[in-house]
Amino acid sequence: LTSMCRAGAIRTDDSCIVLKTLPCLVRMCSKERLLGERGEGAETLAYLIETDVELQRIASITDHLIVMLADYFKYPSSVSAITDIKRLDHDLKHAHELRQAAFKLYASLGANDEDIRKKIIETENMMDRIVNGLSESSIKVRLAAVRCLHSLSRSVQQLRTSFQDHAVWKPLMKVLQNAPNEILVVASSTLCNLLLEFSPSKEPILESGAIELLCSLTQSENLALRVNGIWALMNMAFQAEQKIKSDILRGLSTEQLFQLLSDSDVNVLMKTLGLLRNLLSTRPHIDHIMSTHGKQIMQAVTLILEGEHNIEVKEQTLCILANIADGTTAKELIMTNDDILQKIKYYMSHSNAKLQLAAMFCISNLIWNEEEGSQERQDKLRDMGIVDILHKLSQSSDPNLCDKAKTALQQYLA
């Protein structure tokens, strides 16, 4: 029934799933059952509820399941060690399976709901168990522990508290050293969450050589690893200090950046553009990075605006240009590049409003009055016919475009 439900043959809200399959699997997890049955029950339940929020909620409040699973970590029990060698042998055989099943089920339970995650983390010694699980000899248990950690790392609250108290990043970084790909994929996804700007683990992770590790992931043959490597770097670069940004650019190398910008996968491309956008924020950083890597970055931008890409990709690229246009000295790289100016002009009259808006941001940043050289820039753009387009756009039925165009025109009148 679980397999049929996951294959879409039975709906997740069908009464045979909600009232029979799910409760039956929860009962299989209880203490009275044989160890093999308990492992099987938890594994199957984890698979049943993995992608369905409602089933996760129902399971979490059925028969105290979250507390019941904590018992899975108590094998082999120390008492049996002396009294019954046969029993110990049996327990040991099942101990790995039980831990793996419990981690998997916790991962499924906590995939979406903040309250459920909180309950899981508050279960006795949970964080210690996950940390221990990360260094288990059994690769299956390690993978399940990483999956559980990944699920819990989606919680802003937990990143700030439990993850910090238990320095989870340490064993995680260890797992990331020469692990098999299936573990690497989940571990690097978890690292992406630990590198968000509000996560207290961000600093120590940086100090432990994460940049080098992530840059090497971006060169992987495995698509998921490339995406995660660049995604984590993107998170790391958000509102970061200039030194970190320079280290990222150095670690990646311009060559690799171009490689990623011409990746056939749109996710890799979008995350790489996101990284560039985060690197090129705040004026001193924009000017500094463009003074060292300007030529290559402008080449990359041109390449993408000329290529066959979807609206989102082009919009991100125009936003990067708008950031460059916000620099003090970086502006000149746009103003002296007629090819790029023509492209901005083209996108101002595009049929898609998102692209028009992004192109307008570039223009606004270039003509802003209070900045040195604004008069020359305004004149050059007027000669190109930008003012005529602004007049047209100020009549637009799209309120955003209309406002933005009027604001830009005021710079000419001021």
Protein backbone atom coordinates (compact mmCIF):
# COMPACT_ATOMS: atom_id res chain seq x y z
CA LEU A 1 0.00 0.00 0.00
CA THR A 2 2.87 2.37 0.80
CA SER A 3 4.49 1.72 -2.59
CA MET A 4 1.19 2.16 -4.39
CA CYS A 5 0.59 5.42 -2.53
CA ARG A 6 4.07 6.77 -3.40
CA ALA A 7 3.54 5.73 -7.03
CA GLY A 8 0.38 7.84 -7.10
CA ALA A 9 -2.07 4.93 -7.47
CA ILE A 10 -3.68 5.71 -4.10
CA ARG A 11 -4.21 9.25 -2.83
CA THR A 12 -2.41 10.25 0.36
CA ASP A 13 -5.70 11.27 1.96
CA ASP A 14 -7.39 7.97 1.15
CA SER A 15 -8.83 6.38 4.31
CA CYS A 16 -6.94 3.11 3.70
CA ILE A 17 -3.68 5.10 4.01
CA VAL A 18 -4.64 7.48 6.82
CA LEU A 19 -6.68 5.07 8.96
CA LYS A 20 -5.03 1.72 8.20
CA THR A 21 -1.58 1.80 6.59
CA LEU A 22 -0.11 4.65 8.67
CA PRO A 23 -1.41 3.46 12.10
CA CYS A 24 -0.34 -0.11 11.29
CA LEU A 25 3.22 1.05 10.51
CA VAL A 26 3.33 3.13 13.70
CA ARG A 27 2.24 0.04 15.70
CA MET A 28 5.09 -1.91 14.09
CA CYS A 29 7.49 0.58 15.72
CA SER A 30 6.35 -0.19 19.26
CA LYS A 31 8.47 -1.85 21.93
CA GLU A 32 6.44 -5.08 21.97
CA ARG A 33 7.42 -5.97 18.40
CA LEU A 34 10.42 -7.95 17.21
CA LEU A 35 13.48 -5.85 16.38
CA GLY A 36 13.37 -6.75 12.68
CA GLU A 37 9.74 -5.75 12.46
CA ARG A 38 10.41 -2.44 14.20
CA GLY A 39 13.15 -1.58 11.72
CA GLU A 40 10.96 -2.51 8.77
CA GLY A 41 8.01 -0.53 10.15
CA ALA A 42 10.02 2.67 10.66
CA GLU A 43 11.74 2.43 7.24
CA THR A 44 8.43 1.96 5.45
CA LEU A 45 6.72 4.72 7.41
CA ALA A 46 9.59 7.09 6.58
CA TYR A 47 9.03 6.36 2.90
CA LEU A 48 5.24 6.73 3.15
CA ILE A 49 5.30 10.21 4.73
CA GLU A 50 8.51 11.54 3.12
CA THR A 51 6.82 14.02 0.77
CA ASP A 52 3.43 14.63 2.38
CA VAL A 53 3.07 17.33 5.05
CA GLU A 54 -0.32 16.13 6.28
CA LEU A 55 0.86 12.52 6.76
CA GLN A 56 3.92 13.84 8.61
CA ARG A 57 1.66 15.71 11.02
CA ILE A 58 -0.65 12.74 11.57
CA ALA A 59 2.26 10.35 12.17
CA SER A 60 3.94 12.75 14.61
CA ILE A 61 0.93 12.67 16.94
CA THR A 62 0.11 8.96 16.63
CA ASP A 63 0.99 6.80 19.65
CA HIS A 64 3.83 9.08 20.87
CA LEU A 65 5.87 8.00 17.84
CA ILE A 66 8.64 10.60 18.34
CA VAL A 67 9.37 9.37 21.87
CA MET A 68 8.93 5.73 20.86
CA LEU A 69 11.69 6.05 18.27
CA ALA A 70 14.19 7.20 20.91
CA ASP A 71 14.15 3.60 22.12
CA TYR A 72 15.72 2.49 18.83
CA PHE A 73 19.07 3.83 20.01
CA LYS A 74 19.24 1.62 23.09
CA TYR A 75 20.46 -1.56 21.40
CA PRO A 76 22.48 -3.56 22.20
CA SER A 77 21.44 -3.14 25.83
CA SER A 78 24.28 -3.51 28.33
CA VAL A 79 22.44 -6.08 30.46
CA SER A 80 22.24 -8.61 27.70
CA ALA A 81 26.01 -8.47 27.25
CA ILE A 82 26.70 -10.73 30.23
CA THR A 83 23.61 -12.89 30.37
CA ASP A 84 23.03 -13.97 26.83
CA ILE A 85 25.65 -14.02 24.10
CA LYS A 86 23.13 -15.19 21.52
CA ARG A 87 20.83 -12.31 22.36
CA LEU A 88 23.72 -9.86 22.11
CA ASP A 89 24.60 -11.16 18.68
CA HIS A 90 21.00 -10.72 17.59
CA ASP A 91 20.84 -7.19 19.06
CA LEU A 92 24.07 -6.12 17.39
CA LYS A 93 22.84 -7.30 14.03
CA HIS A 94 19.71 -5.20 14.41
CA ALA A 95 21.28 -2.21 16.17
CA HIS A 96 22.52 -0.64 12.92
CA GLU A 97 19.26 -1.28 11.13
CA LEU A 98 17.27 0.28 13.98
CA ARG A 99 19.41 3.41 14.17
CA GLN A 100 19.27 3.82 10.42
CA ALA A 101 15.48 3.42 10.42
CA ALA A 102 15.00 5.87 13.30
CA PHE A 103 17.15 8.56 11.67
CA LYS A 104 15.29 8.12 8.38
CA LEU A 105 11.90 8.39 10.05
CA TYR A 106 12.95 11.46 12.06
CA ALA A 107 14.17 13.02 8.78
CA SER A 108 10.77 12.42 7.13
CA LEU A 109 8.81 13.61 10.16
CA GLY A 110 10.74 16.87 10.41
CA ALA A 111 10.91 17.63 6.69
CA ASN A 112 8.41 20.52 6.75
CA ASP A 113 6.96 21.33 10.13
CA GLU A 114 8.71 23.56 12.64
CA ASP A 115 6.81 22.19 15.67
CA ILE A 116 7.66 18.60 14.79
CA ARG A 117 11.35 19.51 14.41
CA LYS A 118 11.27 21.10 17.84
CA LYS A 119 9.76 17.93 19.35
CA ILE A 120 12.40 15.75 17.67
CA ILE A 121 15.27 17.89 18.91
CA GLU A 122 13.86 17.91 22.43
CA THR A 123 13.79 14.10 22.50
CA GLU A 124 16.40 12.77 24.95
CA ASN A 125 20.01 13.26 23.76
CA MET A 126 18.85 13.66 20.18
CA MET A 127 21.63 15.99 19.00
CA ASP A 128 24.29 13.79 20.61
CA ARG A 129 22.83 10.78 18.85
CA ILE A 130 22.97 12.51 15.48
CA VAL A 131 26.54 13.67 16.09
CA ASN A 132 27.52 10.10 17.01
CA GLY A 133 25.64 8.80 14.00
CA LEU A 134 27.80 10.97 11.72
CA SER A 135 30.88 8.97 12.64
CA GLU A 136 29.37 5.46 12.70
CA SER A 137 31.22 2.67 10.93
CA SER A 138 28.11 1.68 8.98
CA ILE A 139 27.76 3.86 5.88
CA LYS A 140 23.98 3.40 5.89
CA VAL A 141 23.69 4.76 9.44
CA ARG A 142 25.98 7.68 8.55
CA LEU A 143 23.83 8.54 5.53
CA ALA A 144 20.61 8.33 7.56
CA ALA A 145 22.11 10.55 10.31
CA VAL A 146 23.12 13.16 7.73
CA ARG A 147 19.62 13.05 6.25
CA CYS A 148 18.13 13.59 9.69
CA LEU A 149 20.49 16.52 10.31
CA HIS A 150 19.62 18.01 6.93
CA SER A 151 15.91 17.85 7.71
CA LEU A 152 16.39 19.57 11.08
CA SER A 153 18.75 22.19 9.60
CA ARG A 154 15.80 23.70 7.71
CA SER A 155 14.79 25.30 11.00
CA VAL A 156 16.03 28.85 11.61
CA GLN A 157 15.38 28.41 15.32
CA GLN A 158 17.41 25.21 15.61
CA LEU A 159 20.31 26.60 13.58
CA ARG A 160 20.56 29.37 16.14
CA THR A 161 20.26 27.14 19.22
CA SER A 162 20.73 23.36 19.27
CA PHE A 163 23.05 23.30 16.25
CA GLN A 164 25.22 25.90 17.91
CA ASP A 165 25.24 24.22 21.35
CA HIS A 166 26.39 20.94 19.84
CA ALA A 167 28.87 22.39 17.30
CA VAL A 168 27.28 20.16 14.67
CA TRP A 169 29.40 21.72 11.95
CA LYS A 170 32.53 19.91 13.22
CA PRO A 171 31.44 16.33 12.56
CA LEU A 172 29.68 17.54 9.40
CA MET A 173 32.90 18.99 7.98
CA LYS A 174 34.58 15.69 8.84
CA VAL A 175 31.91 13.74 6.95
CA LEU A 176 32.53 15.95 3.92
CA GLN A 177 36.16 14.83 3.68
CA ASN A 178 36.31 11.97 1.14
CA ALA A 179 32.82 10.55 1.70
CA PRO A 180 30.99 8.63 -1.04
CA ASN A 181 28.81 10.80 -3.29
CA GLU A 182 25.45 9.85 -1.80
CA ILE A 183 26.59 11.11 1.61
CA LEU A 184 28.34 14.13 0.10
CA VAL A 185 25.14 15.29 -1.60
CA VAL A 186 23.10 15.35 1.62
CA ALA A 187 25.97 16.65 3.76
CA SER A 188 26.66 19.53 1.38
CA SER A 189 22.93 20.42 1.31
CA THR A 190 23.06 20.62 5.10
CA LEU A 191 26.15 22.81 4.89
CA CYS A 192 24.22 25.22 2.63
CA ASN A 193 21.77 25.76 5.50
CA LEU A 194 24.51 26.14 8.10
CA LEU A 195 26.05 28.90 5.98
CA LEU A 196 22.98 31.16 5.91
CA GLU A 197 23.77 34.60 7.26
CA PHE A 198 21.87 34.18 10.55
CA SER A 199 23.55 30.86 11.40
CA PRO A 200 26.15 31.16 14.19
CA SER A 201 28.04 28.22 12.66
CA LYS A 202 28.97 30.30 9.61
CA GLU A 203 32.16 31.76 11.12
CA PRO A 204 33.74 28.53 12.43
CA ILE A 205 32.88 26.70 9.20
CA LEU A 206 34.72 29.38 7.24
CA GLU A 207 37.74 29.08 9.49
CA SER A 208 37.87 25.34 9.00
CA GLY A 209 38.65 25.56 5.28
CA ALA A 210 35.14 25.38 3.83
CA ILE A 211 35.87 27.65 0.84
CA GLU A 212 38.44 25.26 -0.60
CA LEU A 213 36.15 22.28 -0.03
CA LEU A 214 33.14 23.97 -1.68
CA CYS A 215 35.16 25.24 -4.65
CA SER A 216 36.29 21.67 -5.28
CA LEU A 217 32.65 20.48 -5.17
CA THR A 218 31.79 22.91 -7.98
CA GLN A 219 34.13 20.90 -10.22
CA SER A 220 32.37 17.61 -9.55
CA GLU A 221 30.98 15.44 -12.34
CA ASN A 222 27.93 14.96 -10.11
CA LEU A 223 25.31 17.63 -10.84
CA ALA A 224 23.83 17.71 -7.32
CA LEU A 225 27.30 18.33 -5.86
CA ARG A 226 28.00 21.15 -8.30
CA VAL A 227 24.69 22.79 -7.38
CA ASN A 228 25.32 22.42 -3.63
CA GLY A 229 28.91 23.66 -3.86
CA ILE A 230 27.92 26.85 -5.66
CA TRP A 231 24.78 27.29 -3.54
CA ALA A 232 26.80 27.11 -0.32
CA LEU A 233 29.28 29.66 -1.72
CA MET A 234 26.36 31.90 -2.66
CA ASN A 235 25.04 31.74 0.92
CA MET A 236 28.52 32.33 2.26
CA ALA A 237 28.99 35.46 0.13
CA PHE A 238 25.74 37.06 1.28
CA GLN A 239 26.57 40.24 3.26
CA ALA A 240 30.08 38.87 3.81
CA GLU A 241 33.27 40.85 4.47
CA GLN A 242 35.48 41.76 1.55
CA LYS A 243 38.17 39.27 2.59
CA ILE A 244 35.73 36.34 2.38
CA LYS A 245 34.53 37.49 -1.03
CA SER A 246 38.10 37.77 -2.31
CA ASP A 247 38.90 34.30 -0.91
CA ILE A 248 35.89 32.86 -2.74
CA LEU A 249 36.92 34.44 -6.04
CA ARG A 250 40.49 33.27 -5.57
CA GLY A 251 39.38 29.77 -4.64
CA LEU A 252 37.05 29.48 -7.61
CA SER A 253 39.33 31.05 -10.24
CA THR A 254 37.86 32.99 -13.13
CA GLU A 255 38.23 29.95 -15.34
CA GLN A 256 35.98 27.88 -13.08
CA LEU A 257 33.48 30.75 -12.83
CA PHE A 258 33.16 30.76 -16.64
CA GLN A 259 32.83 26.98 -16.58
CA LEU A 260 29.89 27.28 -14.16
CA LEU A 261 28.29 30.10 -16.15
CA SER A 262 28.27 27.90 -19.22
CA ASP A 263 27.01 24.83 -17.32
CA SER A 264 24.21 23.03 -19.14
CA ASP A 265 22.11 22.89 -15.96
CA VAL A 266 20.00 25.97 -15.26
CA ASN A 267 20.24 25.46 -11.46
CA VAL A 268 24.01 25.69 -11.55
CA LEU A 269 23.77 28.80 -13.72
CA MET A 270 21.20 30.51 -11.46
CA LYS A 271 23.19 29.80 -8.29
CA THR A 272 26.40 31.05 -9.93
CA LEU A 273 24.64 34.28 -10.91
CA GLY A 274 23.32 34.49 -7.34
CA LEU A 275 26.88 34.14 -6.09
CA LEU A 276 28.08 36.93 -8.41
CA ARG A 277 25.26 39.15 -7.26
CA ASN A 278 26.15 38.56 -3.60
CA LEU A 279 29.83 39.19 -4.30
CA LEU A 280 28.99 42.44 -6.05
CA SER A 281 27.12 44.17 -3.25
CA THR A 282 28.11 47.23 -1.19
CA ARG A 283 30.06 49.87 -3.06
CA PRO A 284 33.64 49.39 -1.87
CA HIS A 285 33.34 45.64 -2.58
CA ILE A 286 31.87 46.22 -6.04
CA ASP A 287 34.70 48.59 -6.95
CA HIS A 288 37.36 46.32 -5.48
CA ILE A 289 36.13 43.16 -7.24
CA MET A 290 35.56 44.94 -10.56
CA SER A 291 39.03 46.48 -10.41
CA THR A 292 40.56 42.99 -10.26
CA HIS A 293 38.03 40.84 -12.17
CA GLY A 294 36.04 43.44 -14.13
CA LYS A 295 37.04 42.39 -17.61
CA GLN A 296 36.13 38.73 -17.07
CA ILE A 297 32.85 39.53 -15.28
CA MET A 298 31.73 41.86 -18.07
CA GLN A 299 32.59 39.14 -20.59
CA ALA A 300 30.49 36.63 -18.65
CA VAL A 301 27.55 39.03 -18.45
CA THR A 302 27.70 39.72 -22.20
CA LEU A 303 27.85 36.01 -22.91
CA ILE A 304 24.67 35.32 -20.94
CA LEU A 305 22.69 38.26 -22.27
CA GLU A 306 23.49 37.06 -25.78
CA GLY A 307 22.75 33.39 -25.09
CA GLU A 308 19.56 31.37 -25.28
CA HIS A 309 18.45 31.64 -21.67
CA ASN A 310 15.16 31.85 -19.82
CA ILE A 311 13.71 35.06 -18.33
CA GLU A 312 14.92 34.31 -14.76
CA VAL A 313 18.52 33.87 -15.90
CA LYS A 314 18.49 37.11 -17.89
CA GLU A 315 16.81 38.97 -15.03
CA GLN A 316 19.51 37.84 -12.57
CA THR A 317 22.19 38.92 -15.05
CA LEU A 318 20.66 42.39 -15.45
CA CYS A 319 20.50 42.68 -11.65
CA ILE A 320 24.23 41.96 -11.54
CA LEU A 321 24.73 44.79 -14.04
CA ALA A 322 22.60 47.07 -11.86
CA ASN A 323 24.89 46.25 -8.91
CA ILE A 324 27.97 47.04 -11.02
CA ALA A 325 26.31 50.32 -12.05
CA ASP A 326 26.04 51.15 -8.36
CA GLY A 327 29.83 51.10 -7.91
CA THR A 328 31.77 54.36 -7.91
CA THR A 329 34.55 53.37 -10.30
CA ALA A 330 32.86 50.17 -11.54
CA LYS A 331 30.25 52.28 -13.41
CA GLU A 332 32.84 53.12 -16.02
CA LEU A 333 33.10 49.50 -17.09
CA ILE A 334 29.49 49.77 -18.27
CA MET A 335 29.73 53.31 -19.65
CA THR A 336 32.76 52.46 -21.80
CA ASN A 337 31.16 49.27 -23.12
CA ASP A 338 28.79 50.22 -25.95
CA ASP A 339 27.79 46.64 -26.52
CA ILE A 340 26.47 46.34 -22.93
CA LEU A 341 24.75 49.74 -23.12
CA GLN A 342 22.90 48.63 -26.26
CA LYS A 343 21.79 45.46 -24.47
CA ILE A 344 20.44 47.45 -21.53
CA LYS A 345 18.56 49.66 -24.00
CA TYR A 346 17.17 46.58 -25.75
CA TYR A 347 15.87 45.09 -22.49
CA MET A 348 14.21 48.38 -21.50
CA SER A 349 11.84 47.84 -24.43
CA HIS A 350 11.51 44.08 -23.96
CA SER A 351 8.08 42.43 -23.84
CA ASN A 352 8.73 41.08 -20.34
CA ALA A 353 8.17 43.55 -17.49
CA LYS A 354 10.66 41.84 -15.15
CA LEU A 355 13.46 42.34 -17.66
CA GLN A 356 12.38 45.92 -18.31
CA LEU A 357 12.48 46.68 -14.59
CA ALA A 358 15.91 45.12 -14.14
CA ALA A 359 17.26 47.14 -17.08
CA MET A 360 15.76 50.29 -15.56
CA PHE A 361 17.64 49.68 -12.32
CA CYS A 362 20.88 49.74 -14.34
CA ILE A 363 19.94 53.06 -15.93
CA SER A 364 18.85 54.64 -12.63
CA ASN A 365 22.16 53.74 -11.02
CA LEU A 366 24.09 55.20 -13.94
CA ILE A 367 22.30 58.57 -14.09
CA TRP A 368 21.97 59.27 -10.36
CA ASN A 369 22.56 63.00 -9.92
CA GLU A 370 24.53 63.20 -6.73
CA GLU A 371 27.40 61.18 -8.12
CA GLU A 372 30.51 62.43 -9.85
CA GLY A 373 30.36 62.36 -13.65
CA SER A 374 26.58 61.97 -13.70
CA GLN A 375 26.19 64.79 -16.26
CA GLU A 376 28.45 63.08 -18.83
CA ARG A 377 26.70 59.76 -18.28
CA GLN A 378 23.27 61.36 -18.65
CA ASP A 379 24.31 63.05 -21.89
CA LYS A 380 25.71 59.87 -23.38
CA LEU A 381 22.57 57.91 -22.49
CA ARG A 382 20.34 60.68 -23.85
CA ASP A 383 22.20 60.54 -27.17
CA MET A 384 21.53 56.79 -27.25
CA GLY A 385 17.78 57.43 -27.03
CA ILE A 386 17.34 56.29 -23.42
CA VAL A 387 15.29 59.38 -22.47
CA ASP A 388 12.77 58.69 -25.23
CA ILE A 389 12.30 55.15 -23.91
CA LEU A 390 11.88 56.52 -20.36
CA HIS A 391 9.11 58.85 -21.59
CA LYS A 392 7.36 55.91 -23.21
CA LEU A 393 7.70 53.80 -20.06
CA SER A 394 6.36 56.58 -17.85
CA GLN A 395 3.03 56.02 -19.65
CA SER A 396 3.15 52.27 -18.95
CA SER A 397 0.15 50.48 -17.47
CA ASP A 398 2.54 48.60 -15.16
CA PRO A 399 2.72 50.76 -11.99
CA ASN A 400 6.27 49.60 -11.12
CA LEU A 401 7.66 50.46 -14.54
CA CYS A 402 5.80 53.73 -14.63
CA ASP A 403 7.16 54.84 -11.21
CA LYS A 404 10.70 53.76 -11.99
CA ALA A 405 10.66 55.65 -15.31
CA LYS A 406 9.32 58.83 -13.70
CA THR A 407 11.99 58.68 -10.97
CA ALA A 408 14.67 58.29 -13.63
CA LEU A 409 13.33 61.19 -15.67
CA GLN A 410 13.47 63.42 -12.56
CA GLN A 411 17.24 62.84 -12.46
CA TYR A 412 17.41 64.48 -15.88
CA LEU A 413 15.35 67.45 -14.76
CA ALA A 414 17.08 68.01 -11.42
